[in-house]
Amino acid sequence: MDFFAHLAARSVPAFIALLFIALFVAREIGLWLGRRHAAVDGAAEPEGVGLVVGSMLGLLAFVLALTLSSSNSRFQERRQNTLTEASAISSAVSRAQAVTDPRGQEIVRKLADYTRVRMAFVEAPPDPVQLAEIERRSATLQGEMQRIAVAIVQAQPNSFTTSLLNYLDTAFGAATSIRFAFSTRMMPQLFWLLLGMALVSVGGMGYQTGLRKQTLRKFSLLIIVMWTAVITEILDLGTPRIGTISNSTAVYQWVLDEIAAAAPPGTPR
C-alpha cells in the first residue's frame, strides 16, 4: 500500500490513471479468456459462471463498505483529536488570562504561537523535513510554557493555577495523539484485499461477457470509472495529507480569535 500512498501523495491523477488502467487490463484479460473459452467449447455461458460472478460482486460490495468504514473511522479520529487539542488550548488560555501572575500573559502569547504551529502541522504536506521542524517547534514551545506554568504554581499553589498546568498537559497529550493519528494509514491488508477483489471481480465480469460473445465496453468502462472513484476516495479518506479530503483547522482559528478578542488594546496580534 505504501507505493500507492506515495504515488497518491505525489500525484492523485497518476494514482487514478494507474488504478483505472489496472482495472481495465483485468477486464480485457477476462474478456479475452471468455471469448477463447466460448470459441473452443462452442457453447454459451457455462452453468454457474453467472452465479459465481454475482457472488464476487456481492463480496466486493462488502469489502468496499468495510474499507470505507475503516477509512472514515481514521478520518474521524484525526478530526476528534484536533477538536480535543483546540479545546484544551482554549481552556489553558482562559486560565492563563485569569491568573494574577504577570507570567500568565506570557503563556497566552506562547499559546497563540503554539496554536499556529499546531495549525501548520495539520495543514502540512507529507514532507518529513517540514514535519520534523514543526514538531521541533512544538516541543520547544511546550517546554517553555510548562516551565513558566510550574513556576506560577510554585509561586501561587492553588487549585486555579494547578488547573492551568493540567490543561497545558492535556493539550500537549492531545498533540501526541494527533501526531500518532496523522502517522497511521488505513490497514494495508484491507486495501490490498479491496484492490485484489476489484481486479478479480472486473476480470470475472469480462470473462462472463466474453462467454456470451458480447463486449459491453461502454457499460464496463462506466463500472470501472465508478470503482476507481470509490477506491480513490477510500484511500484519500483513510490516509492523511494526500488528495482533497483534509482535516479542517477552523477550531484552531477560533482559539486565535478568542485570544485576539481578549487581548488588551494595543497588544500586537
Protein backbone atom coordinates (compact mmCIF):
# COMPACT_ATOMS: atom_id res chain seq x y z
CA MET A 1 0.00 0.00 0.00
CA ASP A 2 2.92 2.36 0.64
CA PHE A 3 3.57 2.53 -3.10
CA PHE A 4 0.01 3.68 -3.82
CA ALA A 5 0.02 6.10 -0.86
CA HIS A 6 3.28 7.69 -2.01
CA LEU A 7 2.00 7.82 -5.58
CA ALA A 8 -1.23 9.49 -4.48
CA ALA A 9 0.73 11.93 -2.30
CA ARG A 10 2.85 12.91 -5.30
CA SER A 11 0.02 12.96 -7.84
CA VAL A 12 -3.59 11.91 -7.32
CA PRO A 13 -4.28 11.91 -11.10
CA ALA A 14 -1.36 9.48 -11.57
CA PHE A 15 -2.86 7.15 -8.95
CA ILE A 16 -6.28 7.35 -10.60
CA ALA A 17 -4.78 6.64 -14.02
CA LEU A 18 -2.79 3.64 -12.74
CA LEU A 19 -5.80 2.20 -10.93
CA PHE A 20 -8.06 2.70 -13.96
CA ILE A 21 -5.53 1.05 -16.28
CA ALA A 22 -5.11 -1.91 -13.91
CA LEU A 23 -8.88 -2.48 -13.73
CA PHE A 24 -9.27 -2.04 -17.48
CA VAL A 25 -6.48 -4.54 -18.22
CA ALA A 26 -8.04 -7.04 -15.81
CA ARG A 27 -11.35 -6.65 -17.63
CA GLU A 28 -9.75 -7.11 -21.05
CA ILE A 29 -7.89 -10.24 -19.91
CA GLY A 30 -11.14 -11.68 -18.59
CA LEU A 31 -12.91 -10.79 -21.83
CA TRP A 32 -10.20 -12.48 -23.91
CA LEU A 33 -10.30 -15.63 -21.79
CA GLY A 34 -14.09 -15.76 -22.01
CA ARG A 35 -14.09 -15.42 -25.79
CA ARG A 36 -11.39 -18.05 -26.12
CA HIS A 37 -13.32 -20.45 -23.92
CA ALA A 38 -16.51 -19.86 -25.90
CA ALA A 39 -14.69 -20.40 -29.19
CA VAL A 40 -13.06 -23.64 -28.03
CA ASP A 41 -16.17 -25.14 -26.43
CA GLY A 42 -18.58 -23.68 -28.93
CA ALA A 43 -21.08 -23.27 -26.11
CA ALA A 44 -22.82 -20.43 -24.38
CA GLU A 45 -22.19 -19.46 -20.80
CA PRO A 46 -21.29 -22.47 -18.67
CA GLU A 47 -23.66 -23.18 -15.86
CA GLY A 48 -22.75 -21.42 -12.66
CA VAL A 49 -20.47 -18.70 -14.09
CA GLY A 50 -23.13 -16.02 -13.65
CA LEU A 51 -23.71 -17.15 -10.07
CA VAL A 52 -20.00 -17.03 -9.27
CA VAL A 53 -19.56 -13.57 -10.78
CA GLY A 54 -22.61 -12.30 -8.89
CA SER A 55 -21.17 -13.68 -5.64
CA MET A 56 -17.84 -11.99 -6.36
CA LEU A 57 -19.55 -8.64 -6.93
CA GLY A 58 -21.53 -9.03 -3.72
CA LEU A 59 -18.35 -9.80 -1.78
CA LEU A 60 -16.65 -6.80 -3.40
CA ALA A 61 -19.50 -4.58 -2.24
CA PHE A 62 -18.99 -5.89 1.30
CA VAL A 63 -15.25 -5.20 1.15
CA LEU A 64 -15.94 -1.71 -0.20
CA ALA A 65 -18.23 -0.99 2.74
CA LEU A 66 -15.67 -2.43 5.19
CA THR A 67 -12.76 -0.37 3.90
CA LEU A 68 -14.88 2.77 3.63
CA SER A 69 -15.93 2.35 7.26
CA SER A 70 -12.31 1.83 8.34
CA SER A 71 -11.11 4.90 6.43
CA ASN A 72 -13.91 7.04 7.81
CA SER A 73 -13.06 5.92 11.36
CA ARG A 74 -9.47 7.06 10.90
CA PHE A 75 -10.61 10.40 9.48
CA GLN A 76 -13.00 10.95 12.39
CA GLU A 77 -10.22 10.03 14.84
CA ARG A 78 -7.99 12.76 13.41
CA ARG A 79 -10.90 15.19 13.48
CA GLN A 80 -11.77 14.42 17.11
CA ASN A 81 -8.15 14.74 18.23
CA THR A 82 -7.82 18.21 16.68
CA LEU A 83 -11.03 19.26 18.44
CA THR A 84 -9.74 17.91 21.76
CA GLU A 85 -6.44 19.73 21.39
CA ALA A 86 -8.04 23.05 20.41
CA SER A 87 -10.47 22.78 23.33
CA ALA A 88 -7.63 22.12 25.78
CA ILE A 89 -5.63 25.06 24.40
CA SER A 90 -8.67 27.32 24.75
CA SER A 91 -9.16 26.25 28.37
CA ALA A 92 -5.47 26.83 29.11
CA VAL A 93 -5.72 30.29 27.56
CA SER A 94 -8.66 31.24 29.79
CA ARG A 95 -6.78 30.04 32.89
CA ALA A 96 -3.60 31.88 31.89
CA GLN A 97 -5.52 35.10 31.26
CA ALA A 98 -7.14 34.92 34.68
CA VAL A 99 -4.11 34.28 36.89
CA THR A 100 -2.78 37.31 38.73
CA ASP A 101 0.83 36.43 37.96
CA PRO A 102 2.07 38.58 35.02
CA ARG A 103 3.73 35.49 33.59
CA GLY A 104 0.25 34.27 32.67
CA GLN A 105 0.17 36.73 29.76
CA GLU A 106 3.46 35.32 28.55
CA ILE A 107 1.85 31.88 28.46
CA VAL A 108 -1.06 33.35 26.49
CA ARG A 109 1.33 34.74 23.89
CA LYS A 110 3.14 31.45 23.63
CA LEU A 111 -0.16 29.59 23.34
CA ALA A 112 -1.06 31.79 20.38
CA ASP A 113 2.23 30.84 18.71
CA TYR A 114 1.68 27.21 19.68
CA THR A 115 -1.80 27.23 18.13
CA ARG A 116 -0.37 28.49 14.84
CA VAL A 117 2.25 25.73 14.92
CA ARG A 118 -0.45 23.11 15.51
CA MET A 119 -2.44 24.52 12.58
CA ALA A 120 0.66 24.22 10.43
CA PHE A 121 1.06 20.58 11.48
CA VAL A 122 -2.48 19.66 10.44
CA GLU A 123 -2.17 21.52 7.13
CA ALA A 124 1.38 20.39 6.32
CA PRO A 125 2.11 18.32 3.20
CA PRO A 126 3.79 14.90 3.57
CA ASP A 127 7.25 16.47 3.78
CA PRO A 128 9.39 14.79 6.52
CA VAL A 129 11.69 17.78 6.82
CA GLN A 130 8.86 20.26 7.27
CA LEU A 131 7.04 17.97 9.70
CA ALA A 132 10.20 17.47 11.76
CA GLU A 133 10.68 21.23 12.01
CA ILE A 134 7.06 21.68 13.13
CA GLU A 135 7.49 19.00 15.78
CA ARG A 136 10.72 20.63 16.98
CA ARG A 137 8.96 23.98 17.30
CA SER A 138 6.03 22.36 19.13
CA ALA A 139 8.34 20.64 21.62
CA THR A 140 10.23 23.88 22.25
CA LEU A 141 7.06 25.85 22.99
CA GLN A 142 5.71 23.04 25.17
CA GLY A 143 8.86 23.04 27.29
CA GLU A 144 8.85 26.83 27.65
CA MET A 145 5.18 27.01 28.66
CA GLN A 146 5.49 24.12 31.09
CA ARG A 147 8.43 25.71 32.85
CA ILE A 148 6.54 29.00 33.22
CA ALA A 149 3.39 27.23 34.46
CA VAL A 150 5.37 25.24 37.03
CA ALA A 151 6.95 28.46 38.28
CA ILE A 152 3.49 30.05 38.62
CA VAL A 153 2.18 27.03 40.54
CA GLN A 154 5.17 27.15 42.89
CA ALA A 155 4.61 30.87 43.48
CA GLN A 156 0.82 30.56 43.87
CA PRO A 157 -0.02 26.98 44.84
CA ASN A 158 -3.79 26.80 44.49
CA SER A 159 -6.36 24.82 42.51
CA PHE A 160 -6.69 27.53 39.86
CA THR A 161 -3.02 27.66 38.89
CA THR A 162 -2.87 23.88 39.08
CA SER A 163 -5.74 23.66 36.58
CA LEU A 164 -3.67 25.80 34.19
CA LEU A 165 -0.88 23.25 34.34
CA ASN A 166 -3.37 20.40 33.92
CA TYR A 167 -4.93 21.93 30.80
CA LEU A 168 -1.49 22.50 29.33
CA ASP A 169 -0.68 18.84 29.95
CA THR A 170 -3.97 17.86 28.28
CA ALA A 171 -3.16 19.98 25.23
CA PHE A 172 0.33 18.51 24.97
CA GLY A 173 -1.06 14.99 25.30
CA ALA A 174 -3.56 15.70 22.54
CA ALA A 175 -0.69 16.82 20.32
CA THR A 176 0.90 13.39 20.76
CA SER A 177 -2.41 11.72 19.87
CA ILE A 178 -2.70 13.87 16.75
CA ARG A 179 0.84 13.03 15.70
CA PHE A 180 0.06 9.32 16.04
CA ALA A 181 -3.26 9.64 14.19
CA PHE A 182 -1.62 11.51 11.31
CA SER A 183 1.22 8.99 11.09
CA THR A 184 -1.07 5.96 10.64
CA ARG A 185 -2.90 4.98 7.48
CA MET A 186 -5.70 2.60 6.69
CA MET A 187 -4.81 -1.04 7.26
CA PRO A 188 -2.76 -2.25 4.28
CA GLN A 189 -4.38 -5.69 4.47
CA LEU A 190 -7.80 -4.15 3.86
CA PHE A 191 -6.55 -2.03 0.98
CA TRP A 192 -4.84 -4.95 -0.74
CA LEU A 193 -7.95 -7.06 -0.19
CA LEU A 194 -10.07 -4.33 -1.77
CA LEU A 195 -7.69 -3.94 -4.72
CA GLY A 196 -7.42 -7.67 -5.28
CA MET A 197 -11.19 -8.18 -5.08
CA ALA A 198 -11.76 -5.33 -7.54
CA LEU A 199 -9.31 -6.77 -10.07
CA VAL A 200 -10.72 -10.29 -9.80
CA SER A 201 -14.32 -9.05 -9.99
CA VAL A 202 -13.64 -6.92 -13.06
CA GLY A 203 -11.87 -9.86 -14.66
CA GLY A 204 -14.83 -12.10 -13.84
CA MET A 205 -17.21 -9.62 -15.44
CA GLY A 206 -15.07 -9.55 -18.56
CA TYR A 207 -14.94 -13.34 -18.63
CA GLN A 208 -18.71 -13.65 -18.36
CA THR A 209 -19.16 -11.06 -21.12
CA GLY A 210 -16.71 -12.92 -23.35
CA LEU A 211 -18.54 -16.21 -22.85
CA ARG A 212 -21.68 -14.54 -24.13
CA LYS A 213 -19.72 -13.24 -27.13
CA GLN A 214 -20.53 -9.66 -26.17
CA THR A 215 -18.41 -6.59 -25.49
CA LEU A 216 -20.49 -4.11 -23.46
CA ARG A 217 -17.45 -1.85 -23.42
CA LYS A 218 -19.28 1.35 -22.54
CA PHE A 219 -21.04 -0.17 -19.53
CA SER A 220 -17.83 -1.87 -18.41
CA LEU A 221 -15.92 1.40 -18.60
CA LEU A 222 -18.63 3.11 -16.58
CA ILE A 223 -18.34 0.49 -13.83
CA ILE A 224 -14.53 0.74 -13.85
CA VAL A 225 -14.74 4.53 -13.54
CA MET A 226 -17.12 4.19 -10.59
CA TRP A 227 -14.90 1.68 -8.78
CA THR A 228 -11.82 3.77 -9.47
CA ALA A 229 -13.53 6.80 -7.92
CA VAL A 230 -14.66 4.87 -4.84
CA ILE A 231 -11.26 3.26 -4.21
CA THR A 232 -9.53 6.62 -4.65
CA GLU A 233 -11.85 8.27 -2.13
CA ILE A 234 -11.30 5.41 0.34
CA LEU A 235 -7.52 5.86 0.12
CA ASP A 236 -7.88 9.65 0.36
CA LEU A 237 -10.17 9.42 3.39
CA GLY A 238 -8.03 6.90 5.25
CA THR A 239 -4.61 8.40 4.50
CA PRO A 240 -3.75 11.87 5.85
CA ARG A 241 -2.00 14.58 3.83
CA ILE A 242 -2.97 13.31 0.37
CA GLY A 243 -5.80 14.11 -2.02
CA THR A 244 -8.59 16.58 -1.46
CA ILE A 245 -10.06 15.29 1.82
CA SER A 246 -8.26 17.07 4.67
CA ASN A 247 -8.96 17.93 8.29
CA SER A 248 -10.27 21.41 8.99
CA THR A 249 -8.19 23.82 11.10
CA ALA A 250 -11.15 26.08 11.86
CA VAL A 251 -11.09 25.12 15.55
CA TYR A 252 -7.55 26.45 15.88
CA GLN A 253 -8.54 29.69 14.19
CA TRP A 254 -11.38 30.05 16.69
CA VAL A 255 -8.83 29.81 19.52
CA LEU A 256 -6.69 32.50 17.90
CA ASP A 257 -9.77 34.69 17.50
CA GLU A 258 -10.57 34.26 21.22
CA ILE A 259 -7.02 35.23 22.17
CA ALA A 260 -7.10 38.29 19.91
CA ALA A 261 -10.51 39.38 21.23
CA ALA A 262 -9.35 39.14 24.86
CA ALA A 263 -6.02 40.88 24.26
CA PRO A 264 -5.58 44.31 25.87
CA PRO A 265 -5.82 47.29 23.46
CA GLY A 266 -2.57 47.96 21.64
CA THR A 267 -1.29 44.39 22.07
CA PRO A 268 0.37 43.05 18.86
CA ARG A 269 -1.64 40.24 17.25
